[in-house]
Every structure is written in structure tokens, then in C-alpha cells.
Amino acid sequence: MWWVAATGGVTSYSVEAGSFPGGSDVVVADTGSTEATLTATGVAAGTYYVRVRAKNTCGISTASNEVFFTIR
């Protein structure tokens, strides 16, 4: 997964994934990186709804638009 990099001194990104729209019951994880990409391995079959937030020294942004993935 990749996204358009944010501006404003990004220090990392937070990725939220849920099993339903708007949910974050699967994972909320800081990427620990300024790279606008994430590779997830070992993901179980299912549909996931994912959002990204940019983080910097001032705080965390609002969530990006949500996308969904179906893993078969």
C-alpha cells in the first residue's frame, strides 16, 4: 500500500485498519518511518478498511480517505 506523502515535517505515519468501515479493531500502528508506503505480510483472508494519519511534533492529522482491501 502506498499514499501521497504529507507536507509539514512528517515524522511518521499511523495506519489504522478495521474489519468494518471506520473501524480500527484490526490494527493501529505507527510505521516509524517517513516513507509513504507499507507492506503487510501474513494478513488473514478478509476485507479490511484502512486509513492513514500523518504525525509530526505538533500532533497527528485527521484520517485520510478510507480504502478497502479484500484478501482472498
N, C-alpha and C. Protein backbone atom coordinates (compact mmCIF):
# COMPACT_ATOMS: atom_id res chain seq x y z
N MET A 1 0.85 -1.16 0.00
CA MET A 1 0.00 0.00 0.00
C MET A 1 0.90 1.22 0.00
N TRP A 2 0.52 2.24 -0.75
CA TRP A 2 1.25 3.50 -0.73
C TRP A 2 0.25 4.64 -0.73
N TRP A 3 0.74 5.82 -0.36
CA TRP A 3 -0.10 7.00 -0.32
C TRP A 3 0.74 8.21 -0.68
N VAL A 4 0.09 9.33 -0.93
CA VAL A 4 0.79 10.57 -1.24
C VAL A 4 1.35 11.13 0.06
N ALA A 5 2.63 11.42 0.06
CA ALA A 5 3.29 11.92 1.27
C ALA A 5 2.68 13.25 1.71
N ALA A 6 2.54 13.41 3.01
CA ALA A 6 2.03 14.65 3.58
C ALA A 6 3.15 15.69 3.63
N THR A 7 2.77 16.94 3.78
CA THR A 7 3.74 18.01 3.96
C THR A 7 3.73 18.45 5.42
N GLY A 8 4.70 19.25 5.81
CA GLY A 8 4.68 19.81 7.16
C GLY A 8 5.54 19.07 8.17
N GLY A 9 6.68 18.58 7.75
CA GLY A 9 7.61 17.97 8.70
C GLY A 9 7.14 16.65 9.28
N VAL A 10 6.62 15.78 8.46
CA VAL A 10 6.13 14.48 8.92
C VAL A 10 7.27 13.70 9.58
N THR A 11 6.99 13.12 10.75
CA THR A 11 7.97 12.29 11.44
C THR A 11 7.65 10.80 11.29
N SER A 12 6.38 10.47 11.05
CA SER A 12 5.96 9.09 10.80
C SER A 12 4.50 9.10 10.40
N TYR A 13 3.98 7.93 10.10
CA TYR A 13 2.57 7.76 9.76
C TYR A 13 1.95 6.73 10.69
N SER A 14 0.67 6.90 10.96
CA SER A 14 -0.10 5.94 11.73
C SER A 14 -1.09 5.29 10.77
N VAL A 15 -1.12 3.97 10.75
CA VAL A 15 -2.03 3.23 9.88
C VAL A 15 -3.08 2.57 10.76
N GLU A 16 -4.34 2.76 10.40
CA GLU A 16 -5.45 2.17 11.13
C GLU A 16 -6.19 1.22 10.20
N ALA A 17 -6.48 0.02 10.64
CA ALA A 17 -7.23 -0.94 9.83
C ALA A 17 -8.34 -1.54 10.67
N GLY A 18 -9.49 -1.67 10.04
CA GLY A 18 -10.64 -2.26 10.73
C GLY A 18 -11.34 -3.28 9.87
N SER A 19 -12.20 -4.05 10.49
CA SER A 19 -12.97 -5.06 9.77
C SER A 19 -14.32 -4.51 9.31
N PHE A 20 -14.57 -3.23 9.59
CA PHE A 20 -15.79 -2.55 9.16
C PHE A 20 -15.43 -1.09 8.86
N PRO A 21 -16.23 -0.41 8.06
CA PRO A 21 -15.94 0.99 7.72
C PRO A 21 -15.78 1.85 8.98
N GLY A 22 -14.69 2.62 9.03
CA GLY A 22 -14.41 3.48 10.18
C GLY A 22 -13.81 2.76 11.37
N GLY A 23 -13.67 1.46 11.30
CA GLY A 23 -13.16 0.68 12.43
C GLY A 23 -11.65 0.69 12.53
N SER A 24 -11.15 0.41 13.71
CA SER A 24 -9.72 0.26 13.93
C SER A 24 -9.48 -0.94 14.85
N ASP A 25 -10.33 -1.96 14.70
CA ASP A 25 -10.27 -3.14 15.56
C ASP A 25 -9.21 -4.15 15.14
N VAL A 26 -8.61 -3.97 13.95
CA VAL A 26 -7.58 -4.91 13.49
C VAL A 26 -6.20 -4.43 13.91
N VAL A 27 -5.88 -3.17 13.61
CA VAL A 27 -4.57 -2.64 13.99
C VAL A 27 -4.57 -1.12 13.96
N VAL A 28 -3.84 -0.53 14.88
CA VAL A 28 -3.44 0.87 14.85
C VAL A 28 -1.95 0.83 15.10
N ALA A 29 -1.17 1.21 14.08
CA ALA A 29 0.28 1.05 14.19
C ALA A 29 1.01 2.25 13.62
N ASP A 30 2.04 2.67 14.32
CA ASP A 30 2.93 3.71 13.83
C ASP A 30 3.96 3.05 12.93
N THR A 31 4.13 3.58 11.72
CA THR A 31 5.10 2.99 10.80
C THR A 31 6.53 3.24 11.24
N GLY A 32 6.75 4.26 12.06
CA GLY A 32 8.10 4.59 12.49
C GLY A 32 8.98 5.12 11.37
N SER A 33 8.34 5.57 10.30
CA SER A 33 9.07 5.98 9.10
C SER A 33 8.36 7.13 8.42
N THR A 34 9.12 7.90 7.65
CA THR A 34 8.52 8.97 6.84
C THR A 34 8.21 8.47 5.43
N GLU A 35 8.50 7.21 5.15
CA GLU A 35 8.17 6.62 3.85
C GLU A 35 6.65 6.49 3.73
N ALA A 36 6.12 6.86 2.57
CA ALA A 36 4.67 6.80 2.35
C ALA A 36 4.29 5.47 1.73
N THR A 37 4.67 4.39 2.42
CA THR A 37 4.38 3.04 1.93
C THR A 37 4.36 2.07 3.10
N LEU A 38 3.62 0.98 2.91
CA LEU A 38 3.55 -0.05 3.93
C LEU A 38 3.35 -1.39 3.25
N THR A 39 4.11 -2.37 3.68
CA THR A 39 3.93 -3.74 3.22
C THR A 39 3.55 -4.59 4.41
N ALA A 40 2.42 -5.25 4.31
CA ALA A 40 1.95 -6.12 5.40
C ALA A 40 2.02 -7.56 4.91
N THR A 41 2.59 -8.43 5.72
CA THR A 41 2.68 -9.85 5.36
C THR A 41 1.87 -10.67 6.36
N GLY A 42 1.49 -11.85 5.94
CA GLY A 42 0.77 -12.76 6.84
C GLY A 42 -0.63 -12.29 7.19
N VAL A 43 -1.24 -11.51 6.32
CA VAL A 43 -2.58 -10.99 6.59
C VAL A 43 -3.61 -12.06 6.27
N ALA A 44 -4.51 -12.30 7.20
CA ALA A 44 -5.55 -13.32 7.01
C ALA A 44 -6.56 -12.87 5.96
N ALA A 45 -7.22 -13.83 5.35
CA ALA A 45 -8.27 -13.53 4.37
C ALA A 45 -9.36 -12.69 5.03
N GLY A 46 -9.91 -11.75 4.27
CA GLY A 46 -10.98 -10.90 4.77
C GLY A 46 -10.96 -9.55 4.09
N THR A 47 -11.89 -8.71 4.46
CA THR A 47 -11.95 -7.34 3.94
C THR A 47 -11.51 -6.40 5.03
N TYR A 48 -10.63 -5.47 4.68
CA TYR A 48 -10.05 -4.53 5.63
C TYR A 48 -10.27 -3.11 5.15
N TYR A 49 -10.63 -2.22 6.07
CA TYR A 49 -10.84 -0.81 5.79
C TYR A 49 -9.68 -0.05 6.42
N VAL A 50 -8.94 0.71 5.60
CA VAL A 50 -7.66 1.27 6.04
C VAL A 50 -7.62 2.78 5.85
N ARG A 51 -7.04 3.46 6.84
CA ARG A 51 -6.81 4.91 6.81
C ARG A 51 -5.39 5.19 7.28
N VAL A 52 -4.88 6.35 6.88
CA VAL A 52 -3.53 6.76 7.28
C VAL A 52 -3.62 8.15 7.89
N ARG A 53 -2.79 8.39 8.90
CA ARG A 53 -2.66 9.71 9.52
C ARG A 53 -1.19 10.09 9.56
N ALA A 54 -0.90 11.34 9.27
CA ALA A 54 0.48 11.84 9.37
C ALA A 54 0.73 12.33 10.79
N LYS A 55 1.96 12.11 11.25
CA LYS A 55 2.34 12.56 12.59
C LYS A 55 3.56 13.49 12.47
N ASN A 56 3.60 14.51 13.33
CA ASN A 56 4.79 15.35 13.47
C ASN A 56 4.84 15.86 14.90
N THR A 57 5.75 16.77 15.17
CA THR A 57 5.94 17.24 16.55
C THR A 57 4.73 18.00 17.08
N CYS A 58 3.84 18.46 16.21
CA CYS A 58 2.63 19.17 16.64
C CYS A 58 1.46 18.24 16.95
N GLY A 59 1.55 16.99 16.50
CA GLY A 59 0.47 16.05 16.76
C GLY A 59 0.20 15.14 15.59
N ILE A 60 -1.06 14.74 15.45
CA ILE A 60 -1.45 13.79 14.42
C ILE A 60 -2.59 14.39 13.59
N SER A 61 -2.56 14.12 12.29
CA SER A 61 -3.55 14.69 11.39
C SER A 61 -4.89 13.96 11.48
N THR A 62 -5.86 14.52 10.80
CA THR A 62 -7.11 13.80 10.63
C THR A 62 -6.83 12.62 9.70
N ALA A 63 -7.72 11.67 9.67
CA ALA A 63 -7.52 10.48 8.85
C ALA A 63 -7.69 10.78 7.37
N SER A 64 -6.95 10.02 6.57
CA SER A 64 -7.10 10.10 5.11
C SER A 64 -8.46 9.53 4.71
N ASN A 65 -8.76 9.62 3.45
CA ASN A 65 -9.91 8.88 2.93
C ASN A 65 -9.65 7.40 3.19
N GLU A 66 -10.73 6.68 3.41
CA GLU A 66 -10.62 5.26 3.69
C GLU A 66 -10.64 4.45 2.39
N VAL A 67 -9.80 3.44 2.33
CA VAL A 67 -9.83 2.48 1.22
C VAL A 67 -10.09 1.10 1.80
N PHE A 68 -10.55 0.19 0.96
CA PHE A 68 -10.73 -1.17 1.48
C PHE A 68 -10.03 -2.15 0.57
N PHE A 69 -9.56 -3.22 1.18
CA PHE A 69 -8.85 -4.30 0.51
C PHE A 69 -9.56 -5.59 0.86
N THR A 70 -9.65 -6.48 -0.10
CA THR A 70 -10.15 -7.82 0.17
C THR A 70 -9.03 -8.79 -0.13
N ILE A 71 -8.63 -9.55 0.88
CA ILE A 71 -7.59 -10.56 0.76
C ILE A 71 -8.29 -11.91 0.65
N ARG A 72 -7.94 -12.68 -0.36
CA ARG A 72 -8.58 -13.99 -0.57
C ARG A 72 -7.60 -15.11 -0.30
